[in-house]
PDB file of all heavy atoms in Angstrom:
ATOM      1  N   ASP A   1       0.809  -1.221   0.002  1.00  0.00           N
ATOM      2  CA  ASP A   1      -0.002   0.000   0.002  1.00  0.00           C
ATOM      3  C   ASP A   1       0.841   1.267   0.002  1.00  0.00           C
ATOM      4  O   ASP A   1       0.426   2.318   0.489  1.00  0.00           O
ATOM      5  CB  ASP A   1      -0.958   0.026   1.200  1.00  0.00           C
ATOM      6  CG  ASP A   1      -2.185  -0.840   0.945  1.00  0.00           C
ATOM      7  OD1 ASP A   1      -2.238  -1.473  -0.125  1.00  0.00           O
ATOM      8  OD2 ASP A   1      -3.070  -0.884   1.816  1.00  0.00           O
ATOM      9  N   LYS A   2       2.059   1.198  -0.539  1.00  0.00           N
ATOM     10  CA  LYS A   2       2.881   2.409  -0.650  1.00  0.00           C
ATOM     11  C   LYS A   2       2.469   3.186  -1.897  1.00  0.00           C
ATOM     12  O   LYS A   2       2.308   2.624  -2.968  1.00  0.00           O
ATOM     13  CB  LYS A   2       4.363   2.039  -0.732  1.00  0.00           C
ATOM     14  CG  LYS A   2       4.910   1.444   0.575  1.00  0.00           C
ATOM     15  CD  LYS A   2       6.401   1.170   0.474  1.00  0.00           C
ATOM     16  CE  LYS A   2       6.947   0.634   1.780  1.00  0.00           C
ATOM     17  NZ  LYS A   2       8.405   0.348   1.708  1.00  0.00           N
ATOM     18  N   GLN A   3       2.325   4.475  -1.739  1.00  0.00           N
ATOM     19  CA  GLN A   3       1.893   5.317  -2.840  1.00  0.00           C
ATOM     20  C   GLN A   3       3.010   5.448  -3.875  1.00  0.00           C
ATOM     21  O   GLN A   3       4.128   5.803  -3.553  1.00  0.00           O
ATOM     22  CB  GLN A   3       1.527   6.704  -2.307  1.00  0.00           C
ATOM     23  CG  GLN A   3       1.068   7.672  -3.372  1.00  0.00           C
ATOM     24  CD  GLN A   3       0.654   8.988  -2.775  1.00  0.00           C
ATOM     25  OE1 GLN A   3      -0.266   9.065  -1.976  1.00  0.00           O
ATOM     26  NE2 GLN A   3       1.352  10.048  -3.138  1.00  0.00           N
ATOM     27  N   VAL A   4       2.698   5.130  -5.139  1.00  0.00           N
ATOM     28  CA  VAL A   4       3.700   5.236  -6.192  1.00  0.00           C
ATOM     29  C   VAL A   4       3.379   6.369  -7.168  1.00  0.00           C
ATOM     30  O   VAL A   4       4.267   6.871  -7.831  1.00  0.00           O
ATOM     31  CB  VAL A   4       3.847   3.894  -6.960  1.00  0.00           C
ATOM     32  CG1 VAL A   4       4.411   2.832  -6.063  1.00  0.00           C
ATOM     33  CG2 VAL A   4       2.518   3.441  -7.547  1.00  0.00           C
ATOM     34  N   THR A   5       2.128   6.752  -7.279  1.00  0.00           N
ATOM     35  CA  THR A   5       1.749   7.903  -8.080  1.00  0.00           C
ATOM     36  C   THR A   5       0.604   8.623  -7.377  1.00  0.00           C
ATOM     37  O   THR A   5      -0.143   8.038  -6.612  1.00  0.00           O
ATOM     38  CB  THR A   5       1.293   7.493  -9.500  1.00  0.00           C
ATOM     39  OG1 THR A   5       0.245   6.533  -9.392  1.00  0.00           O
ATOM     40  CG2 THR A   5       2.432   6.926 -10.301  1.00  0.00           C
ATOM     41  N   TYR A   6       0.461   9.905  -7.672  1.00  0.00           N
ATOM     42  CA  TYR A   6      -0.559  10.718  -7.016  1.00  0.00           C
ATOM     43  C   TYR A   6      -1.035  11.778  -7.998  1.00  0.00           C
ATOM     44  O   TYR A   6      -0.239  12.320  -8.767  1.00  0.00           O
ATOM     45  CB  TYR A   6       0.029  11.398  -5.772  1.00  0.00           C
ATOM     46  CG  TYR A   6      -0.832  12.484  -5.169  1.00  0.00           C
ATOM     47  CD1 TYR A   6      -1.747  12.189  -4.164  1.00  0.00           C
ATOM     48  CD2 TYR A   6      -0.736  13.810  -5.601  1.00  0.00           C
ATOM     49  CE1 TYR A   6      -2.541  13.185  -3.611  1.00  0.00           C
ATOM     50  CE2 TYR A   6      -1.541  14.807  -5.060  1.00  0.00           C
ATOM     51  CZ  TYR A   6      -2.438  14.482  -4.055  1.00  0.00           C
ATOM     52  OH  TYR A   6      -3.221  15.471  -3.512  1.00  0.00           O
ATOM     53  N   GLN A   7      -2.323  12.077  -7.964  1.00  0.00           N
ATOM     54  CA  GLN A   7      -2.851  13.140  -8.819  1.00  0.00           C
ATOM     55  C   GLN A   7      -4.041  13.794  -8.143  1.00  0.00           C
ATOM     56  O   GLN A   7      -4.968  13.108  -7.692  1.00  0.00           O
ATOM     57  CB  GLN A   7      -3.280  12.582 -10.169  1.00  0.00           C
ATOM     58  CG  GLN A   7      -3.690  13.654 -11.164  1.00  0.00           C
ATOM     59  CD  GLN A   7      -3.874  13.088 -12.546  1.00  0.00           C
ATOM     60  OE1 GLN A   7      -3.040  12.342 -13.046  1.00  0.00           O
ATOM     61  NE2 GLN A   7      -4.985  13.415 -13.182  1.00  0.00           N
ATOM     62  N   PRO A   8      -4.050  15.129  -8.044  1.00  0.00           N
ATOM     63  CA  PRO A   8      -5.220  15.809  -7.490  1.00  0.00           C
ATOM     64  C   PRO A   8      -6.453  15.557  -8.357  1.00  0.00           C
ATOM     65  O   PRO A   8      -6.351  15.367  -9.562  1.00  0.00           O
ATOM     66  CB  PRO A   8      -4.825  17.296  -7.526  1.00  0.00           C
ATOM     67  CG  PRO A   8      -3.348  17.304  -7.651  1.00  0.00           C
ATOM     68  CD  PRO A   8      -2.975  16.068  -8.403  1.00  0.00           C
ATOM     69  N   LEU A   9      -7.609  15.554  -7.728  1.00  0.00           N
ATOM     70  CA  LEU A   9      -8.863  15.294  -8.436  1.00  0.00           C
ATOM     71  C   LEU A   9      -9.655  16.595  -8.462  1.00  0.00           C
ATOM     72  O   LEU A   9     -10.417  16.910  -7.549  1.00  0.00           O
ATOM     73  CB  LEU A   9      -9.636  14.200  -7.700  1.00  0.00           C
ATOM     74  CG  LEU A   9     -10.669  13.392  -8.473  1.00  0.00           C
ATOM     75  CD1 LEU A   9     -10.075  12.801  -9.749  1.00  0.00           C
ATOM     76  CD2 LEU A   9     -11.247  12.295  -7.607  1.00  0.00           C
ATOM     77  N   TYR A  10      -9.446  17.399  -9.527  1.00  0.00           N
ATOM     78  CA  TYR A  10     -10.144  18.662  -9.676  1.00  0.00           C
ATOM     79  C   TYR A  10     -11.444  18.431 -10.435  1.00  0.00           C
ATOM     80  O   TYR A  10     -11.430  17.932 -11.550  1.00  0.00           O
ATOM     81  CB  TYR A  10      -9.296  19.660 -10.455  1.00  0.00           C
ATOM     82  CG  TYR A  10      -7.918  19.925  -9.901  1.00  0.00           C
ATOM     83  CD1 TYR A  10      -6.775  19.701 -10.663  1.00  0.00           C
ATOM     84  CD2 TYR A  10      -7.743  20.412  -8.601  1.00  0.00           C
ATOM     85  CE1 TYR A  10      -5.510  19.960 -10.169  1.00  0.00           C
ATOM     86  CE2 TYR A  10      -6.473  20.666  -8.093  1.00  0.00           C
ATOM     87  CZ  TYR A  10      -5.370  20.440  -8.892  1.00  0.00           C
ATOM     88  OH  TYR A  10      -4.115  20.695  -8.400  1.00  0.00           O
ATOM     89  N   PHE A  11     -12.565  18.812  -9.829  1.00  0.00           N
ATOM     90  CA  PHE A  11     -13.836  18.625 -10.536  1.00  0.00           C
ATOM     91  C   PHE A  11     -14.890  19.588  -9.999  1.00  0.00           C
ATOM     92  O   PHE A  11     -15.109  19.683  -8.792  1.00  0.00           O
ATOM     93  CB  PHE A  11     -14.348  17.191 -10.376  1.00  0.00           C
ATOM     94  CG  PHE A  11     -15.620  16.920 -11.143  1.00  0.00           C
ATOM     95  CD1 PHE A  11     -15.571  16.638 -12.489  1.00  0.00           C
ATOM     96  CD2 PHE A  11     -16.859  16.969 -10.515  1.00  0.00           C
ATOM     97  CE1 PHE A  11     -16.740  16.408 -13.216  1.00  0.00           C
ATOM     98  CE2 PHE A  11     -18.028  16.743 -11.212  1.00  0.00           C
ATOM     99  CZ  PHE A  11     -17.971  16.450 -12.575  1.00  0.00           C
ATOM    100  N   THR A  12     -15.551  20.294 -10.910  1.00  0.00           N
ATOM    101  CA  THR A  12     -16.707  21.116 -10.607  1.00  0.00           C
ATOM    102  C   THR A  12     -17.644  21.034 -11.798  1.00  0.00           C
ATOM    103  O   THR A  12     -17.219  21.239 -12.929  1.00  0.00           O
ATOM    104  CB  THR A  12     -16.318  22.593 -10.388  1.00  0.00           C
ATOM    105  OG1 THR A  12     -15.280  22.674  -9.416  1.00  0.00           O
ATOM    106  CG2 THR A  12     -17.510  23.398  -9.902  1.00  0.00           C
ATOM    107  N   ALA A  13     -18.905  20.717 -11.568  1.00  0.00           N
ATOM    108  CA  ALA A  13     -19.880  20.632 -12.656  1.00  0.00           C
ATOM    109  C   ALA A  13     -21.244  21.058 -12.130  1.00  0.00           C
ATOM    110  O   ALA A  13     -21.501  21.001 -10.923  1.00  0.00           O
ATOM    111  CB  ALA A  13     -19.939  19.228 -13.236  1.00  0.00           C
ATOM    112  N   PHE A  14     -22.114  21.440 -13.056  1.00  0.00           N
ATOM    113  CA  PHE A  14     -23.398  22.033 -12.682  1.00  0.00           C
ATOM    114  C   PHE A  14     -24.515  21.428 -13.513  1.00  0.00           C
ATOM    115  O   PHE A  14     -24.422  21.374 -14.736  1.00  0.00           O
ATOM    116  CB  PHE A  14     -23.332  23.545 -12.911  1.00  0.00           C
ATOM    117  CG  PHE A  14     -24.412  24.308 -12.224  1.00  0.00           C
ATOM    118  CD1 PHE A  14     -24.276  24.695 -10.906  1.00  0.00           C
ATOM    119  CD2 PHE A  14     -25.567  24.657 -12.893  1.00  0.00           C
ATOM    120  CE1 PHE A  14     -25.279  25.416 -10.263  1.00  0.00           C
ATOM    121  CE2 PHE A  14     -26.566  25.383 -12.270  1.00  0.00           C
ATOM    122  CZ  PHE A  14     -26.423  25.757 -10.950  1.00  0.00           C
ATOM    123  N   ALA A  15     -25.579  20.971 -12.839  1.00  0.00           N
ATOM    124  CA  ALA A  15     -26.745  20.438 -13.536  1.00  0.00           C
ATOM    125  C   ALA A  15     -27.427  21.553 -14.310  1.00  0.00           C
ATOM    126  O   ALA A  15     -27.858  22.528 -13.717  1.00  0.00           O
ATOM    127  CB  ALA A  15     -27.715  19.813 -12.532  1.00  0.00           C
ATOM    128  N   ARG A  16     -27.524  21.385 -15.604  1.00  0.00           N
ATOM    129  CA  ARG A  16     -27.988  22.500 -16.438  1.00  0.00           C
ATOM    130  C   ARG A  16     -28.689  21.986 -17.698  1.00  0.00           C
ATOM    131  O   ARG A  16     -28.394  22.377 -18.818  1.00  0.00           O
ATOM    132  CB  ARG A  16     -26.810  23.393 -16.817  1.00  0.00           C
ATOM    133  CG  ARG A  16     -25.600  22.627 -17.365  1.00  0.00           C
ATOM    134  CD  ARG A  16     -24.391  23.508 -17.489  1.00  0.00           C
ATOM    135  NE  ARG A  16     -24.665  24.665 -18.285  1.00  0.00           N
ATOM    136  CZ  ARG A  16     -24.618  24.675 -19.619  1.00  0.00           C
ATOM    137  NH1 ARG A  16     -24.306  23.569 -20.268  1.00  0.00           N
ATOM    138  NH2 ARG A  16     -24.869  25.766 -20.287  1.00  0.00           N
ATOM    139  N   ALA A  17     -29.644  21.091 -17.511  1.00  0.00           N
ATOM    140  CA  ALA A  17     -30.305  20.483 -18.664  1.00  0.00           C
ATOM    141  C   ALA A  17     -30.939  21.522 -19.575  1.00  0.00           C
ATOM    142  O   ALA A  17     -31.007  21.345 -20.794  1.00  0.00           O
ATOM    143  CB  ALA A  17     -31.381  19.504 -18.181  1.00  0.00           C
ATOM    144  N   ASP A  18     -31.390  22.646 -18.978  1.00  0.00           N
ATOM    145  CA  ASP A  18     -32.077  23.653 -19.790  1.00  0.00           C
ATOM    146  C   ASP A  18     -31.134  24.686 -20.376  1.00  0.00           C
ATOM    147  O   ASP A  18     -31.573  25.564 -21.112  1.00  0.00           O
ATOM    148  CB  ASP A  18     -33.138  24.368 -18.944  1.00  0.00           C
ATOM    149  CG  ASP A  18     -32.530  25.050 -17.720  1.00  0.00           C
ATOM    150  OD1 ASP A  18     -31.454  24.608 -17.277  1.00  0.00           O
ATOM    151  OD2 ASP A  18     -33.131  26.028 -17.230  1.00  0.00           O
ATOM    152  N   LYS A  19     -29.830  24.613 -20.071  1.00  0.00           N
ATOM    153  CA  LYS A  19     -28.902  25.647 -20.525  1.00  0.00           C
ATOM    154  C   LYS A  19     -27.672  25.053 -21.194  1.00  0.00           C
ATOM    155  O   LYS A  19     -26.655  25.707 -21.299  1.00  0.00           O
ATOM    156  CB  LYS A  19     -28.448  26.499 -19.335  1.00  0.00           C
ATOM    157  CG  LYS A  19     -29.580  27.254 -18.659  1.00  0.00           C
ATOM    158  CD  LYS A  19     -30.139  28.337 -19.553  1.00  0.00           C
ATOM    159  CE  LYS A  19     -31.255  29.079 -18.850  1.00  0.00           C
ATOM    160  NZ  LYS A  19     -31.871  30.071 -19.719  1.00  0.00           N
ATOM    161  N   ARG A  20     -27.766  23.833 -21.650  1.00  0.00           N
ATOM    162  CA  ARG A  20     -26.580  23.166 -22.178  1.00  0.00           C
ATOM    163  C   ARG A  20     -26.056  23.894 -23.406  1.00  0.00           C
ATOM    164  O   ARG A  20     -26.795  24.213 -24.336  1.00  0.00           O
ATOM    165  CB  ARG A  20     -26.901  21.715 -22.533  1.00  0.00           C
ATOM    166  CG  ARG A  20     -25.651  20.903 -22.839  1.00  0.00           C
ATOM    167  CD  ARG A  20     -26.033  19.444 -23.068  1.00  0.00           C
ATOM    168  NE  ARG A  20     -24.837  18.661 -23.262  1.00  0.00           N
ATOM    169  CZ  ARG A  20     -24.142  18.137 -22.280  1.00  0.00           C
ATOM    170  NH1 ARG A  20     -24.518  18.321 -21.051  1.00  0.00           N
ATOM    171  NH2 ARG A  20     -23.056  17.432 -22.516  1.00  0.00           N
ATOM    172  N   VAL A  21     -24.745  24.151 -23.418  1.00  0.00           N
ATOM    173  CA  VAL A  21     -24.102  24.807 -24.545  1.00  0.00           C
ATOM    174  C   VAL A  21     -23.224  23.782 -25.248  1.00  0.00           C
ATOM    175  O   VAL A  21     -22.314  23.234 -24.648  1.00  0.00           O
ATOM    176  CB  VAL A  21     -23.233  25.982 -24.079  1.00  0.00           C
ATOM    177  CG1 VAL A  21     -22.533  26.623 -25.265  1.00  0.00           C
ATOM    178  CG2 VAL A  21     -24.108  27.007 -23.369  1.00  0.00           C
ATOM    179  N   ASP A  22     -23.536  23.496 -26.483  1.00  0.00           N
ATOM    180  CA  ASP A  22     -22.809  22.448 -27.188  1.00  0.00           C
ATOM    181  C   ASP A  22     -21.727  23.037 -28.065  1.00  0.00           C
ATOM    182  O   ASP A  22     -21.831  24.147 -28.560  1.00  0.00           O
ATOM    183  CB  ASP A  22     -23.771  21.644 -28.076  1.00  0.00           C
ATOM    184  CG  ASP A  22     -24.804  20.902 -27.233  1.00  0.00           C
ATOM    185  OD1 ASP A  22     -24.423  20.391 -26.169  1.00  0.00           O
ATOM    186  OD2 ASP A  22     -25.981  20.866 -27.644  1.00  0.00           O
ATOM    187  N   ASN A  23     -20.699  22.246 -28.280  1.00  0.00           N
ATOM    188  CA  ASN A  23     -19.588  22.665 -29.115  1.00  0.00           C
ATOM    189  C   ASN A  23     -19.812  22.261 -30.566  1.00  0.00           C
ATOM    190  O   ASN A  23     -20.715  21.507 -30.898  1.00  0.00           O
ATOM    191  CB  ASN A  23     -18.288  22.042 -28.620  1.00  0.00           C
ATOM    192  CG  ASN A  23     -17.749  22.817 -27.441  1.00  0.00           C
ATOM    193  OD1 ASN A  23     -18.281  23.832 -27.051  1.00  0.00           O
ATOM    194  ND2 ASN A  23     -16.678  22.297 -26.871  1.00  0.00           N
ATOM    195  N   PHE A  24     -18.920  22.768 -31.390  1.00  0.00           N
ATOM    196  CA  PHE A  24     -18.988  22.457 -32.802  1.00  0.00           C
ATOM    197  C   PHE A  24     -17.960  21.375 -33.117  1.00  0.00           C
ATOM    198  O   PHE A  24     -17.186  20.961 -32.295  1.00  0.00           O
ATOM    199  CB  PHE A  24     -18.682  23.702 -33.628  1.00  0.00           C
ATOM    200  CG  PHE A  24     -19.373  24.915 -33.106  1.00  0.00           C
ATOM    201  CD1 PHE A  24     -18.658  25.946 -32.509  1.00  0.00           C
ATOM    202  CD2 PHE A  24     -20.743  25.009 -33.185  1.00  0.00           C
ATOM    203  CE1 PHE A  24     -19.305  27.058 -32.026  1.00  0.00           C
ATOM    204  CE2 PHE A  24     -21.402  26.128 -32.700  1.00  0.00           C
ATOM    205  CZ  PHE A  24     -20.674  27.148 -32.112  1.00  0.00           C
ATOM    206  N   GLY A  25     -17.926  20.975 -34.372  1.00  0.00           N
ATOM    207  CA  GLY A  25     -16.896  20.044 -34.806  1.00  0.00           C
ATOM    208  C   GLY A  25     -17.426  18.634 -34.882  1.00  0.00           C
ATOM    209  O   GLY A  25     -18.413  18.271 -34.273  1.00  0.00           O
ATOM    210  N   GLU A  26     -16.750  17.828 -35.641  1.00  0.00           N
ATOM    211  CA  GLU A  26     -17.149  16.440 -35.808  1.00  0.00           C
ATOM    212  C   GLU A  26     -15.919  15.571 -35.645  1.00  0.00           C
ATOM    213  O   GLU A  26     -14.786  16.009 -35.741  1.00  0.00           O
ATOM    214  CB  GLU A  26     -17.769  16.219 -37.193  1.00  0.00           C
ATOM    215  CG  GLU A  26     -19.042  17.049 -37.397  1.00  0.00           C
ATOM    216  CD  GLU A  26     -19.614  16.840 -38.783  1.00  0.00           C
ATOM    217  OE1 GLU A  26     -18.961  16.149 -39.588  1.00  0.00           O
ATOM    218  OE2 GLU A  26     -20.710  17.366 -39.058  1.00  0.00           O
ATOM    219  N   GLY A  27     -16.177  14.289 -35.385  1.00  0.00           N
ATOM    220  CA  GLY A  27     -15.078  13.357 -35.248  1.00  0.00           C
ATOM    221  C   GLY A  27     -14.472  13.394 -33.869  1.00  0.00           C
ATOM    222  O   GLY A  27     -14.918  14.092 -32.969  1.00  0.00           O
ATOM    223  N   ASP A  28     -13.393  12.643 -33.675  1.00  0.00           N
ATOM    224  CA  ASP A  28     -12.813  12.482 -32.351  1.00  0.00           C
ATOM    225  C   ASP A  28     -12.216  13.767 -31.809  1.00  0.00           C
ATOM    226  O   ASP A  28     -12.179  13.977 -30.607  1.00  0.00           O
ATOM    227  CB  ASP A  28     -11.738  11.381 -32.390  1.00  0.00           C
ATOM    228  CG  ASP A  28     -12.337  10.008 -32.623  1.00  0.00           C
ATOM    229  OD1 ASP A  28     -13.543   9.840 -32.350  1.00  0.00           O
ATOM    230  OD2 ASP A  28     -11.604   9.127 -33.074  1.00  0.00           O
ATOM    231  N   GLN A  29     -11.702  14.629 -32.660  1.00  0.00           N
ATOM    232  CA  GLN A  29     -11.066  15.846 -32.181  1.00  0.00           C
ATOM    233  C   GLN A  29     -12.095  16.934 -31.870  1.00  0.00           C
ATOM    234  O   GLN A  29     -11.859  17.784 -31.030  1.00  0.00           O
ATOM    235  CB  GLN A  29     -10.049  16.348 -33.203  1.00  0.00           C
ATOM    236  CG  GLN A  29      -8.904  15.387 -33.414  1.00  0.00           C
ATOM    237  CD  GLN A  29      -8.210  15.036 -32.117  1.00  0.00           C
ATOM    238  OE1 GLN A  29      -7.845  15.899 -31.341  1.00  0.00           O
ATOM    239  NE2 GLN A  29      -8.035  13.745 -31.876  1.00  0.00           N
ATOM    240  N   GLY A  30     -13.215  16.929 -32.578  1.00  0.00           N
ATOM    241  CA  GLY A  30     -14.344  17.739 -32.199  1.00  0.00           C
ATOM    242  C   GLY A  30     -14.238  19.231 -32.419  1.00  0.00           C
ATOM    243  O   GLY A  30     -15.118  19.964 -32.040  1.00  0.00           O
ATOM    244  N   GLY A  31     -13.173  19.738 -33.026  1.00  0.00           N
ATOM    245  CA  GLY A  31     -13.106  21.167 -33.260  1.00  0.00           C
ATOM    246  C   GLY A  31     -12.709  21.930 -32.009  1.00  0.00           C
ATOM    247  O   GLY A  31     -12.166  21.383 -31.076  1.00  0.00           O
ATOM    248  N   PRO A  32     -13.013  23.229 -31.979  1.00  0.00           N
ATOM    249  CA  PRO A  32     -12.532  24.078 -30.895  1.00  0.00           C
ATOM    250  C   PRO A  32     -13.241  23.811 -29.588  1.00  0.00           C
ATOM    251  O   PRO A  32     -14.383  23.359 -29.555  1.00  0.00           O
ATOM    252  CB  PRO A  32     -12.838  25.493 -31.391  1.00  0.00           C
ATOM    253  CG  PRO A  32     -13.980  25.316 -32.334  1.00  0.00           C
ATOM    254  CD  PRO A  32     -13.758  23.986 -32.992  1.00  0.00           C
ATOM    255  N   LEU A  33     -12.531  24.100 -28.484  1.00  0.00           N
ATOM    256  CA  LEU A  33     -13.139  24.042 -27.168  1.00  0.00           C
ATOM    257  C   LEU A  33     -13.969  25.292 -26.918  1.00  0.00           C
ATOM    258  O   LEU A  33     -13.599  26.387 -27.323  1.00  0.00           O
ATOM    259  CB  LEU A  33     -12.055  23.958 -26.093  1.00  0.00           C
ATOM    260  CG  LEU A  33     -11.229  22.675 -25.992  1.00  0.00           C
ATOM    261  CD1 LEU A  33     -10.150  22.846 -24.954  1.00  0.00           C
ATOM    262  CD2 LEU A  33     -12.106  21.494 -25.658  1.00  0.00           C
ATOM    263  N   ASN A  34     -15.067  25.132 -26.211  1.00  0.00           N
ATOM    264  CA  ASN A  34     -15.919  26.260 -25.865  1.00  0.00           C
ATOM    265  C   ASN A  34     -16.328  26.175 -24.405  1.00  0.00           C
ATOM    266  O   ASN A  34     -16.699  25.124 -23.902  1.00  0.00           O
ATOM    267  CB  ASN A  34     -17.196  26.275 -26.716  1.00  0.00           C
ATOM    268  CG  ASN A  34     -16.970  26.896 -28.071  1.00  0.00           C
ATOM    269  OD1 ASN A  34     -16.394  27.976 -28.182  1.00  0.00           O
ATOM    270  ND2 ASN A  34     -17.404  26.209 -29.115  1.00  0.00           N
ATOM    271  N   GLY A  35     -16.283  27.295 -23.720  1.00  0.00           N
ATOM    272  CA  GLY A  35     -16.813  27.407 -22.379  1.00  0.00           C
ATOM    273  C   GLY A  35     -17.571  28.712 -22.283  1.00  0.00           C
ATOM    274  O   GLY A  35     -18.000  29.273 -23.278  1.00  0.00           O
ATOM    275  N   ALA A  36     -17.749  29.218 -21.085  1.00  0.00           N
ATOM    276  CA  ALA A  36     -18.393  30.517 -20.925  1.00  0.00           C
ATOM    277  C   ALA A  36     -17.369  31.631 -20.920  1.00  0.00           C
ATOM    278  O   ALA A  36     -17.576  32.682 -21.495  1.00  0.00           O
ATOM    279  CB  ALA A  36     -19.204  30.547 -19.639  1.00  0.00           C
ATOM    280  N   PHE A  37     -16.233  31.399 -20.286  1.00  0.00           N
ATOM    281  CA  PHE A  37     -15.192  32.414 -20.233  1.00  0.00           C
ATOM    282  C   PHE A  37     -14.391  32.480 -21.526  1.00  0.00           C
ATOM    283  O   PHE A  37     -13.977  33.549 -21.947  1.00  0.00           O
ATOM    284  CB  PHE A  37     -14.230  32.138 -19.078  1.00  0.00           C
ATOM    285  CG  PHE A  37     -14.849  32.302 -17.715  1.00  0.00           C
ATOM    286  CD1 PHE A  37     -14.793  31.281 -16.793  1.00  0.00           C
ATOM    287  CD2 PHE A  37     -15.477  33.482 -17.353  1.00  0.00           C
ATOM    288  CE1 PHE A  37     -15.327  31.436 -15.532  1.00  0.00           C
ATOM    289  CE2 PHE A  37     -16.020  33.647 -16.089  1.00  0.00           C
ATOM    290  CZ  PHE A  37     -15.948  32.613 -15.180  1.00  0.00           C
ATOM    291  N   PHE A  38     -14.120  31.314 -22.119  1.00  0.00           N
ATOM    292  CA  PHE A  38     -13.264  31.253 -23.303  1.00  0.00           C
ATOM    293  C   PHE A  38     -13.925  30.386 -24.366  1.00  0.00           C
ATOM    294  O   PHE A  38     -14.417  29.300 -24.063  1.00  0.00           O
ATOM    295  CB  PHE A  38     -11.891  30.674 -22.945  1.00  0.00           C
ATOM    296  CG  PHE A  38     -11.226  31.369 -21.787  1.00  0.00           C
ATOM    297  CD1 PHE A  38     -11.041  30.708 -20.584  1.00  0.00           C
ATOM    298  CD2 PHE A  38     -10.805  32.686 -21.898  1.00  0.00           C
ATOM    299  CE1 PHE A  38     -10.436  31.348 -19.516  1.00  0.00           C
ATOM    300  CE2 PHE A  38     -10.202  33.331 -20.832  1.00  0.00           C
ATOM    301  CZ  PHE A  38     -10.019  32.658 -19.634  1.00  0.00           C
ATOM    302  N   GLN A  39     -13.891  30.857 -25.617  1.00  0.00           N
ATOM    303  CA  GLN A  39     -14.543  30.130 -26.693  1.00  0.00           C
ATOM    304  C   GLN A  39     -13.617  30.016 -27.904  1.00  0.00           C
ATOM    305  O   GLN A  39     -12.681  30.783 -28.069  1.00  0.00           O
ATOM    306  CB  GLN A  39     -15.842  30.826 -27.100  1.00  0.00           C
ATOM    307  CG  GLN A  39     -16.879  30.821 -25.995  1.00  0.00           C
ATOM    308  CD  GLN A  39     -18.176  31.486 -26.406  1.00  0.00           C
ATOM    309  OE1 GLN A  39     -18.359  31.871 -27.555  1.00  0.00           O
ATOM    310  NE2 GLN A  39     -19.096  31.618 -25.453  1.00  0.00           N
ATOM    311  N   ASN A  40     -13.944  29.020 -28.732  1.00  0.00           N
ATOM    312  CA  ASN A  40     -13.227  28.801 -30.003  1.00  0.00           C
ATOM    313  C   ASN A  40     -11.728  28.636 -29.790  1.00  0.00           C
ATOM    314  O   ASN A  40     -10.914  29.240 -30.482  1.00  0.00           O
ATOM    315  CB  ASN A  40     -13.504  29.961 -30.971  1.00  0.00           C
ATOM    316  CG  ASN A  40     -14.969  30.079 -31.321  1.00  0.00           C
ATOM    317  OD1 ASN A  40     -15.581  29.134 -31.805  1.00  0.00           O
ATOM    318  ND2 ASN A  40     -15.543  31.236 -31.030  1.00  0.00           N
ATOM    319  N   ILE A  41     -11.371  27.801 -28.838  1.00  0.00           N
ATOM    320  CA  ILE A  41      -9.955  27.562 -28.559  1.00  0.00           C
ATOM    321  C   ILE A  41      -9.455  26.500 -29.537  1.00  0.00           C
ATOM    322  O   ILE A  41      -9.668  25.310 -29.349  1.00  0.00           O
ATOM    323  CB  ILE A  41      -9.732  27.107 -27.111  1.00  0.00           C
ATOM    324  CG1 ILE A  41     -10.345  28.126 -26.153  1.00  0.00           C
ATOM    325  CG2 ILE A  41      -8.248  26.932 -26.826  1.00  0.00           C
ATOM    326  CD1 ILE A  41     -10.339  27.691 -24.712  1.00  0.00           C
ATOM    327  N   ALA A  42      -8.810  26.961 -30.579  1.00  0.00           N
ATOM    328  CA  ALA A  42      -8.342  26.044 -31.618  1.00  0.00           C
ATOM    329  C   ALA A  42      -6.861  26.221 -31.919  1.00  0.00           C
ATOM    330  O   ALA A  42      -6.275  25.406 -32.619  1.00  0.00           O
ATOM    331  CB  ALA A  42      -9.157  26.243 -32.892  1.00  0.00           C
ATOM    332  N   SER A  43      -6.245  27.257 -31.393  1.00  0.00           N
ATOM    333  CA  SER A  43      -4.847  27.543 -31.693  1.00  0.00           C
ATOM    334  C   SER A  43      -3.918  26.529 -31.034  1.00  0.00           C
ATOM    335  O   SER A  43      -4.186  26.024 -29.948  1.00  0.00           O
ATOM    336  CB  SER A  43      -4.481  28.951 -31.217  1.00  0.00           C
ATOM    337  OG  SER A  43      -3.093  29.165 -31.290  1.00  0.00           O
TER     338      SER A  43
END
């Protein structure tokens, strides 16, 4: 039981069935990332 690897578990999410914002793009890469603060992150 000796620790050999460690990683913080950062997670925050919000139930928002009526406000879901979907991204664009197709396929596995899915195009640019979109959030509320930052959008169209493709560079």
